[in-house]
Amino acid sequence: MNRFAILRVVAKLLIPAIMLFALYVQFHGDFGPGGGFQAGVIFASAFILYALLFGVVTARKVAPPRLINTTLALGVLVYAGTGFAALLRGGQYLDYSVLAHDAVHGQHLGISLIEFGVFMTVSSAMITIFFVFAGQDVDEGQD
């Protein structure tokens, strides 16, 4: 357990900061560089750092396969659902301007929802790819 003790202590300090930075990139994506894809990769990198230092089996307990698969599918559904919501409100697919009482608020809401769906999908996909390469496939049970 003393193996990599300093790295583990530093990681326990850095991982929450990395995840917080991912959320900053996510929510700042409307106004500057960033967005769902970048935030998803940053968030997944924090989780991968955790898995590298504390073990893949421990990381699988933090994020079980069911959670990762659900988040992956839910991200796609949020993205597609935003487009269908625009259709139901009388606009075209992914026409955000019809999602709120005026076009500007609708655009902001639509972009936020789309970017959140991308964030969930990308972070889950990156974590899944890591586990596949680590030999702990998402569909497998725990060891």
N, C-alpha and C. Protein backbone atom coordinates (compact mmCIF):
# COMPACT_ATOMS: atom_id res chain seq x y z
N MET A 1 0.82 -1.20 0.00
CA MET A 1 0.00 0.00 0.00
C MET A 1 0.85 1.25 0.00
N ASN A 2 2.13 1.14 0.39
CA ASN A 2 3.02 2.31 0.40
C ASN A 2 3.60 2.61 -0.96
N ARG A 3 3.33 1.75 -1.93
CA ARG A 3 3.83 1.99 -3.27
C ARG A 3 3.13 3.21 -3.86
N PHE A 4 3.89 4.12 -4.40
CA PHE A 4 3.39 5.36 -5.00
C PHE A 4 2.65 6.23 -3.99
N ALA A 5 3.09 6.26 -2.76
CA ALA A 5 2.38 7.00 -1.70
C ALA A 5 2.31 8.50 -2.02
N ILE A 6 3.41 9.07 -2.47
CA ILE A 6 3.42 10.51 -2.76
C ILE A 6 2.51 10.81 -3.95
N LEU A 7 2.59 9.97 -4.98
CA LEU A 7 1.72 10.18 -6.14
C LEU A 7 0.25 10.06 -5.77
N ARG A 8 -0.07 9.14 -4.89
CA ARG A 8 -1.46 8.97 -4.48
C ARG A 8 -1.97 10.17 -3.70
N VAL A 9 -1.14 10.71 -2.83
CA VAL A 9 -1.55 11.89 -2.06
C VAL A 9 -1.74 13.08 -2.99
N VAL A 10 -0.80 13.27 -3.92
CA VAL A 10 -0.92 14.39 -4.86
C VAL A 10 -2.14 14.19 -5.76
N ALA A 11 -2.39 12.95 -6.17
CA ALA A 11 -3.54 12.69 -7.03
C ALA A 11 -4.85 12.97 -6.30
N LYS A 12 -4.90 12.66 -5.01
CA LYS A 12 -6.12 12.94 -4.25
C LYS A 12 -6.40 14.44 -4.18
N LEU A 13 -5.36 15.24 -4.29
CA LEU A 13 -5.54 16.70 -4.33
C LEU A 13 -5.86 17.19 -5.74
N LEU A 14 -5.26 16.54 -6.74
CA LEU A 14 -5.42 17.01 -8.12
C LEU A 14 -6.71 16.53 -8.79
N ILE A 15 -7.15 15.34 -8.49
CA ILE A 15 -8.31 14.79 -9.20
C ILE A 15 -9.56 15.66 -9.03
N PRO A 16 -9.90 16.11 -7.81
CA PRO A 16 -11.06 17.02 -7.73
C PRO A 16 -10.86 18.32 -8.50
N ALA A 17 -9.63 18.84 -8.50
CA ALA A 17 -9.35 20.06 -9.25
C ALA A 17 -9.49 19.83 -10.76
N ILE A 18 -9.04 18.68 -11.23
CA ILE A 18 -9.17 18.35 -12.65
C ILE A 18 -10.64 18.23 -13.04
N MET A 19 -11.43 17.58 -12.18
CA MET A 19 -12.86 17.44 -12.47
C MET A 19 -13.58 18.79 -12.42
N LEU A 20 -13.18 19.63 -11.50
CA LEU A 20 -13.75 20.97 -11.44
C LEU A 20 -13.38 21.79 -12.67
N PHE A 21 -12.14 21.64 -13.14
CA PHE A 21 -11.73 22.32 -14.36
C PHE A 21 -12.53 21.81 -15.55
N ALA A 22 -12.83 20.51 -15.57
CA ALA A 22 -13.65 19.95 -16.65
C ALA A 22 -15.03 20.60 -16.66
N LEU A 23 -15.60 20.80 -15.48
CA LEU A 23 -16.90 21.47 -15.42
C LEU A 23 -16.80 22.93 -15.86
N TYR A 24 -15.69 23.59 -15.52
CA TYR A 24 -15.48 24.96 -15.99
C TYR A 24 -15.43 25.00 -17.52
N VAL A 25 -14.69 24.09 -18.11
CA VAL A 25 -14.59 24.04 -19.57
C VAL A 25 -15.96 23.74 -20.17
N GLN A 26 -16.72 22.87 -19.51
CA GLN A 26 -18.06 22.53 -19.99
C GLN A 26 -18.97 23.75 -20.03
N PHE A 27 -19.03 24.47 -18.93
CA PHE A 27 -19.99 25.57 -18.83
C PHE A 27 -19.46 26.86 -19.43
N HIS A 28 -18.17 26.95 -19.67
CA HIS A 28 -17.60 28.13 -20.31
C HIS A 28 -17.58 27.97 -21.83
N GLY A 29 -17.93 26.78 -22.32
CA GLY A 29 -17.88 26.49 -23.75
C GLY A 29 -18.78 27.37 -24.59
N ASP A 30 -19.83 27.95 -24.01
CA ASP A 30 -20.70 28.85 -24.77
C ASP A 30 -20.01 30.17 -25.08
N PHE A 31 -19.11 30.58 -24.23
CA PHE A 31 -18.54 31.92 -24.32
C PHE A 31 -17.10 31.95 -24.79
N GLY A 32 -16.44 30.85 -24.87
CA GLY A 32 -15.05 30.80 -25.27
C GLY A 32 -14.67 29.41 -25.73
N PRO A 33 -13.37 29.16 -25.86
CA PRO A 33 -12.93 27.83 -26.28
C PRO A 33 -13.34 26.78 -25.25
N GLY A 34 -13.70 25.66 -25.73
CA GLY A 34 -14.10 24.57 -24.84
C GLY A 34 -15.46 24.06 -25.21
N GLY A 35 -15.97 23.20 -24.39
CA GLY A 35 -17.27 22.63 -24.64
C GLY A 35 -17.30 21.19 -24.18
N GLY A 36 -18.27 20.47 -24.68
CA GLY A 36 -18.52 19.12 -24.21
C GLY A 36 -17.42 18.13 -24.50
N PHE A 37 -16.85 18.20 -25.69
CA PHE A 37 -15.82 17.22 -26.04
C PHE A 37 -14.58 17.42 -25.17
N GLN A 38 -14.11 18.65 -25.09
CA GLN A 38 -12.92 18.92 -24.30
C GLN A 38 -13.15 18.61 -22.83
N ALA A 39 -14.30 18.99 -22.32
CA ALA A 39 -14.62 18.74 -20.91
C ALA A 39 -14.73 17.24 -20.65
N GLY A 40 -15.29 16.50 -21.57
CA GLY A 40 -15.40 15.06 -21.41
C GLY A 40 -14.04 14.38 -21.35
N VAL A 41 -13.13 14.81 -22.19
CA VAL A 41 -11.78 14.24 -22.18
C VAL A 41 -11.05 14.60 -20.90
N ILE A 42 -11.19 15.82 -20.43
CA ILE A 42 -10.53 16.23 -19.19
C ILE A 42 -11.10 15.45 -18.01
N PHE A 43 -12.42 15.30 -17.95
CA PHE A 43 -13.05 14.55 -16.88
C PHE A 43 -12.59 13.10 -16.89
N ALA A 44 -12.55 12.50 -18.07
CA ALA A 44 -12.11 11.10 -18.18
C ALA A 44 -10.65 10.95 -17.80
N SER A 45 -9.83 11.95 -18.11
CA SER A 45 -8.41 11.87 -17.74
C SER A 45 -8.23 11.86 -16.23
N ALA A 46 -9.07 12.57 -15.50
CA ALA A 46 -9.01 12.52 -14.04
C ALA A 46 -9.35 11.13 -13.55
N PHE A 47 -10.35 10.53 -14.13
CA PHE A 47 -10.74 9.19 -13.73
C PHE A 47 -9.66 8.17 -14.10
N ILE A 48 -9.04 8.34 -15.26
CA ILE A 48 -7.98 7.44 -15.69
C ILE A 48 -6.77 7.58 -14.78
N LEU A 49 -6.46 8.79 -14.37
CA LEU A 49 -5.38 8.99 -13.40
C LEU A 49 -5.66 8.23 -12.11
N TYR A 50 -6.90 8.30 -11.66
CA TYR A 50 -7.30 7.55 -10.46
C TYR A 50 -7.09 6.05 -10.68
N ALA A 51 -7.50 5.56 -11.83
CA ALA A 51 -7.36 4.12 -12.11
C ALA A 51 -5.90 3.70 -12.20
N LEU A 52 -5.05 4.55 -12.75
CA LEU A 52 -3.64 4.21 -12.86
C LEU A 52 -2.95 4.15 -11.50
N LEU A 53 -3.34 5.01 -10.60
CA LEU A 53 -2.66 5.06 -9.30
C LEU A 53 -3.28 4.14 -8.25
N PHE A 54 -4.57 3.92 -8.31
CA PHE A 54 -5.24 3.13 -7.28
C PHE A 54 -5.68 1.75 -7.78
N GLY A 55 -5.48 1.49 -9.04
CA GLY A 55 -5.81 0.18 -9.60
C GLY A 55 -7.11 0.19 -10.37
N VAL A 56 -7.12 -0.62 -11.38
CA VAL A 56 -8.29 -0.69 -12.26
C VAL A 56 -9.48 -1.29 -11.51
N VAL A 57 -9.23 -2.28 -10.67
CA VAL A 57 -10.33 -2.91 -9.93
C VAL A 57 -10.99 -1.90 -9.00
N THR A 58 -10.18 -1.07 -8.34
CA THR A 58 -10.73 -0.03 -7.46
C THR A 58 -11.52 0.99 -8.27
N ALA A 59 -11.00 1.33 -9.43
CA ALA A 59 -11.71 2.29 -10.28
C ALA A 59 -13.04 1.73 -10.77
N ARG A 60 -13.09 0.41 -10.99
CA ARG A 60 -14.34 -0.21 -11.43
C ARG A 60 -15.40 -0.17 -10.32
N LYS A 61 -14.94 -0.12 -9.07
CA LYS A 61 -15.89 0.01 -7.97
C LYS A 61 -16.45 1.43 -7.91
N VAL A 62 -15.64 2.41 -8.29
CA VAL A 62 -16.10 3.80 -8.30
C VAL A 62 -17.08 4.02 -9.44
N ALA A 63 -16.77 3.48 -10.60
CA ALA A 63 -17.64 3.62 -11.78
C ALA A 63 -17.93 2.23 -12.33
N PRO A 64 -18.98 1.58 -11.83
CA PRO A 64 -19.30 0.24 -12.32
C PRO A 64 -19.76 0.27 -13.79
N PRO A 65 -19.68 -0.88 -14.44
CA PRO A 65 -20.04 -0.94 -15.87
C PRO A 65 -21.44 -0.41 -16.15
N ARG A 66 -22.37 -0.69 -15.28
CA ARG A 66 -23.75 -0.23 -15.50
C ARG A 66 -23.82 1.29 -15.55
N LEU A 67 -23.09 1.97 -14.68
CA LEU A 67 -23.07 3.44 -14.66
C LEU A 67 -22.45 4.00 -15.93
N ILE A 68 -21.34 3.43 -16.35
CA ILE A 68 -20.66 3.91 -17.56
C ILE A 68 -21.56 3.70 -18.78
N ASN A 69 -22.16 2.52 -18.91
CA ASN A 69 -23.05 2.26 -20.06
C ASN A 69 -24.27 3.16 -20.05
N THR A 70 -24.82 3.40 -18.86
CA THR A 70 -25.99 4.27 -18.75
C THR A 70 -25.65 5.70 -19.14
N THR A 71 -24.52 6.18 -18.66
CA THR A 71 -24.10 7.55 -18.98
C THR A 71 -23.80 7.70 -20.47
N LEU A 72 -23.20 6.68 -21.05
CA LEU A 72 -22.92 6.71 -22.48
C LEU A 72 -24.20 6.82 -23.29
N ALA A 73 -25.18 5.99 -22.97
CA ALA A 73 -26.45 6.02 -23.69
C ALA A 73 -27.24 7.29 -23.39
N LEU A 74 -27.21 7.74 -22.16
CA LEU A 74 -27.95 8.94 -21.78
C LEU A 74 -27.41 10.18 -22.49
N GLY A 75 -26.10 10.24 -22.69
CA GLY A 75 -25.52 11.37 -23.42
C GLY A 75 -26.03 11.45 -24.85
N VAL A 76 -26.12 10.30 -25.51
CA VAL A 76 -26.65 10.26 -26.87
C VAL A 76 -28.13 10.65 -26.87
N LEU A 77 -28.86 10.18 -25.87
CA LEU A 77 -30.28 10.51 -25.79
C LEU A 77 -30.51 12.00 -25.52
N VAL A 78 -29.66 12.62 -24.72
CA VAL A 78 -29.80 14.06 -24.47
C VAL A 78 -29.56 14.83 -25.77
N TYR A 79 -28.53 14.43 -26.50
CA TYR A 79 -28.23 15.08 -27.78
C TYR A 79 -29.40 14.93 -28.75
N ALA A 80 -29.84 13.69 -28.95
CA ALA A 80 -30.94 13.45 -29.89
C ALA A 80 -32.25 14.03 -29.38
N GLY A 81 -32.47 13.97 -28.08
CA GLY A 81 -33.70 14.50 -27.50
C GLY A 81 -33.82 16.00 -27.67
N THR A 82 -32.70 16.70 -27.64
CA THR A 82 -32.73 18.14 -27.87
C THR A 82 -33.19 18.44 -29.29
N GLY A 83 -32.72 17.65 -30.23
CA GLY A 83 -33.17 17.83 -31.61
C GLY A 83 -34.63 17.53 -31.79
N PHE A 84 -35.10 16.46 -31.16
CA PHE A 84 -36.52 16.12 -31.26
C PHE A 84 -37.40 17.11 -30.53
N ALA A 85 -36.89 17.69 -29.45
CA ALA A 85 -37.67 18.73 -28.75
C ALA A 85 -37.88 19.93 -29.66
N ALA A 86 -36.86 20.26 -30.44
CA ALA A 86 -37.01 21.36 -31.39
C ALA A 86 -38.05 21.01 -32.46
N LEU A 87 -38.05 19.76 -32.90
CA LEU A 87 -39.07 19.33 -33.87
C LEU A 87 -40.47 19.43 -33.29
N LEU A 88 -40.62 19.01 -32.05
CA LEU A 88 -41.93 19.06 -31.41
C LEU A 88 -42.42 20.48 -31.18
N ARG A 89 -41.50 21.42 -31.07
CA ARG A 89 -41.87 22.82 -30.85
C ARG A 89 -42.07 23.57 -32.17
N GLY A 90 -41.99 22.87 -33.30
CA GLY A 90 -42.29 23.48 -34.59
C GLY A 90 -41.09 23.94 -35.38
N GLY A 91 -39.90 23.67 -34.90
CA GLY A 91 -38.68 24.05 -35.63
C GLY A 91 -38.11 22.87 -36.38
N GLN A 92 -36.91 23.05 -36.87
CA GLN A 92 -36.20 21.96 -37.53
C GLN A 92 -35.36 21.22 -36.50
N TYR A 93 -34.86 20.06 -36.90
CA TYR A 93 -34.04 19.26 -35.99
C TYR A 93 -32.81 20.07 -35.57
N LEU A 94 -32.60 20.18 -34.27
CA LEU A 94 -31.51 20.95 -33.66
C LEU A 94 -31.60 22.45 -33.96
N ASP A 95 -32.79 22.96 -34.22
CA ASP A 95 -33.00 24.40 -34.33
C ASP A 95 -33.32 24.91 -32.93
N TYR A 96 -32.30 25.39 -32.26
CA TYR A 96 -32.42 25.73 -30.84
C TYR A 96 -33.30 26.94 -30.57
N SER A 97 -33.51 27.79 -31.53
CA SER A 97 -34.21 29.05 -31.28
C SER A 97 -35.66 28.85 -30.84
N VAL A 98 -36.24 27.70 -31.10
CA VAL A 98 -37.63 27.46 -30.71
C VAL A 98 -37.76 26.82 -29.33
N LEU A 99 -36.65 26.59 -28.65
CA LEU A 99 -36.69 25.90 -27.36
C LEU A 99 -37.08 26.78 -26.19
N ALA A 100 -37.06 28.08 -26.36
CA ALA A 100 -37.41 28.99 -25.25
C ALA A 100 -38.30 30.10 -25.79
N HIS A 101 -38.64 31.04 -24.92
CA HIS A 101 -39.58 32.11 -25.28
C HIS A 101 -39.01 33.07 -26.31
N ASP A 102 -37.69 33.21 -26.39
CA ASP A 102 -37.09 33.98 -27.47
C ASP A 102 -35.88 33.23 -28.03
N ALA A 103 -35.43 33.66 -29.20
CA ALA A 103 -34.41 32.91 -29.93
C ALA A 103 -33.07 32.86 -29.18
N VAL A 104 -32.69 33.94 -28.51
CA VAL A 104 -31.39 33.97 -27.83
C VAL A 104 -31.37 32.97 -26.67
N HIS A 105 -32.42 32.98 -25.87
CA HIS A 105 -32.49 32.03 -24.76
C HIS A 105 -32.60 30.59 -25.27
N GLY A 106 -33.30 30.39 -26.35
CA GLY A 106 -33.40 29.07 -26.95
C GLY A 106 -32.07 28.56 -27.45
N GLN A 107 -31.29 29.46 -28.09
CA GLN A 107 -29.96 29.08 -28.55
C GLN A 107 -29.06 28.68 -27.38
N HIS A 108 -29.11 29.48 -26.32
CA HIS A 108 -28.28 29.19 -25.15
C HIS A 108 -28.68 27.86 -24.51
N LEU A 109 -29.97 27.63 -24.36
CA LEU A 109 -30.45 26.37 -23.77
C LEU A 109 -30.09 25.18 -24.65
N GLY A 110 -30.28 25.31 -25.94
CA GLY A 110 -29.98 24.21 -26.86
C GLY A 110 -28.51 23.85 -26.87
N ILE A 111 -27.65 24.87 -26.94
CA ILE A 111 -26.21 24.61 -26.94
C ILE A 111 -25.79 23.96 -25.63
N SER A 112 -26.34 24.44 -24.52
CA SER A 112 -25.98 23.87 -23.21
C SER A 112 -26.38 22.40 -23.13
N LEU A 113 -27.57 22.08 -23.61
CA LEU A 113 -28.02 20.68 -23.57
C LEU A 113 -27.19 19.79 -24.49
N ILE A 114 -26.92 20.29 -25.68
CA ILE A 114 -26.11 19.52 -26.64
C ILE A 114 -24.72 19.27 -26.07
N GLU A 115 -24.10 20.31 -25.53
CA GLU A 115 -22.75 20.17 -24.99
C GLU A 115 -22.73 19.24 -23.78
N PHE A 116 -23.80 19.24 -22.97
CA PHE A 116 -23.85 18.33 -21.84
C PHE A 116 -23.98 16.88 -22.32
N GLY A 117 -24.76 16.66 -23.37
CA GLY A 117 -24.86 15.32 -23.94
C GLY A 117 -23.53 14.84 -24.50
N VAL A 118 -22.82 15.73 -25.17
CA VAL A 118 -21.50 15.40 -25.71
C VAL A 118 -20.53 15.10 -24.56
N PHE A 119 -20.59 15.89 -23.50
CA PHE A 119 -19.73 15.67 -22.33
C PHE A 119 -19.94 14.28 -21.75
N MET A 120 -21.19 13.90 -21.55
CA MET A 120 -21.47 12.58 -20.97
C MET A 120 -21.01 11.46 -21.89
N THR A 121 -21.26 11.61 -23.18
CA THR A 121 -20.89 10.57 -24.14
C THR A 121 -19.38 10.43 -24.25
N VAL A 122 -18.69 11.55 -24.39
CA VAL A 122 -17.23 11.50 -24.57
C VAL A 122 -16.54 10.99 -23.32
N SER A 123 -16.93 11.47 -22.15
CA SER A 123 -16.27 11.00 -20.93
C SER A 123 -16.50 9.51 -20.73
N SER A 124 -17.72 9.04 -20.96
CA SER A 124 -18.01 7.61 -20.82
C SER A 124 -17.26 6.78 -21.86
N ALA A 125 -17.19 7.28 -23.07
CA ALA A 125 -16.48 6.55 -24.12
C ALA A 125 -14.99 6.47 -23.83
N MET A 126 -14.40 7.55 -23.34
CA MET A 126 -12.97 7.53 -23.02
C MET A 126 -12.68 6.57 -21.87
N ILE A 127 -13.53 6.55 -20.87
CA ILE A 127 -13.36 5.62 -19.75
C ILE A 127 -13.53 4.18 -20.23
N THR A 128 -14.49 3.95 -21.11
CA THR A 128 -14.69 2.62 -21.67
C THR A 128 -13.48 2.18 -22.46
N ILE A 129 -12.94 3.06 -23.28
CA ILE A 129 -11.74 2.73 -24.07
C ILE A 129 -10.58 2.39 -23.15
N PHE A 130 -10.41 3.15 -22.08
CA PHE A 130 -9.34 2.86 -21.12
C PHE A 130 -9.52 1.48 -20.52
N PHE A 131 -10.73 1.14 -20.09
CA PHE A 131 -10.95 -0.15 -19.46
C PHE A 131 -10.77 -1.30 -20.45
N VAL A 132 -11.12 -1.09 -21.70
CA VAL A 132 -10.91 -2.13 -22.71
C VAL A 132 -9.42 -2.38 -22.88
N PHE A 133 -8.64 -1.31 -22.97
CA PHE A 133 -7.19 -1.47 -23.12
C PHE A 133 -6.54 -2.00 -21.83
N ALA A 134 -7.15 -1.73 -20.70
CA ALA A 134 -6.61 -2.21 -19.43
C ALA A 134 -7.01 -3.66 -19.16
N GLY A 135 -7.81 -4.23 -20.03
CA GLY A 135 -8.22 -5.61 -19.86
C GLY A 135 -9.43 -5.78 -18.98
N GLN A 136 -10.11 -4.70 -18.66
CA GLN A 136 -11.31 -4.75 -17.84
C GLN A 136 -12.47 -4.22 -18.67
N ASP A 137 -12.96 -5.03 -19.56
CA ASP A 137 -14.04 -4.60 -20.46
C ASP A 137 -15.26 -4.18 -19.66
N VAL A 138 -16.01 -3.23 -20.20
CA VAL A 138 -17.17 -2.67 -19.50
C VAL A 138 -18.23 -3.73 -19.27
N ASP A 139 -18.38 -4.67 -20.19
CA ASP A 139 -19.43 -5.67 -20.06
C ASP A 139 -19.07 -6.78 -19.07
N GLU A 140 -17.79 -6.87 -18.70
CA GLU A 140 -17.39 -7.91 -17.76
C GLU A 140 -17.79 -7.51 -16.35
N GLY A 141 -17.96 -8.48 -15.52
CA GLY A 141 -18.21 -8.22 -14.11
C GLY A 141 -16.90 -7.86 -13.42
N GLN A 142 -16.99 -7.62 -12.14
CA GLN A 142 -15.78 -7.29 -11.40
C GLN A 142 -15.02 -8.55 -11.09
N ASP A 143 -13.71 -8.40 -10.91
CA ASP A 143 -12.87 -9.57 -10.62
C ASP A 143 -13.13 -10.14 -9.26
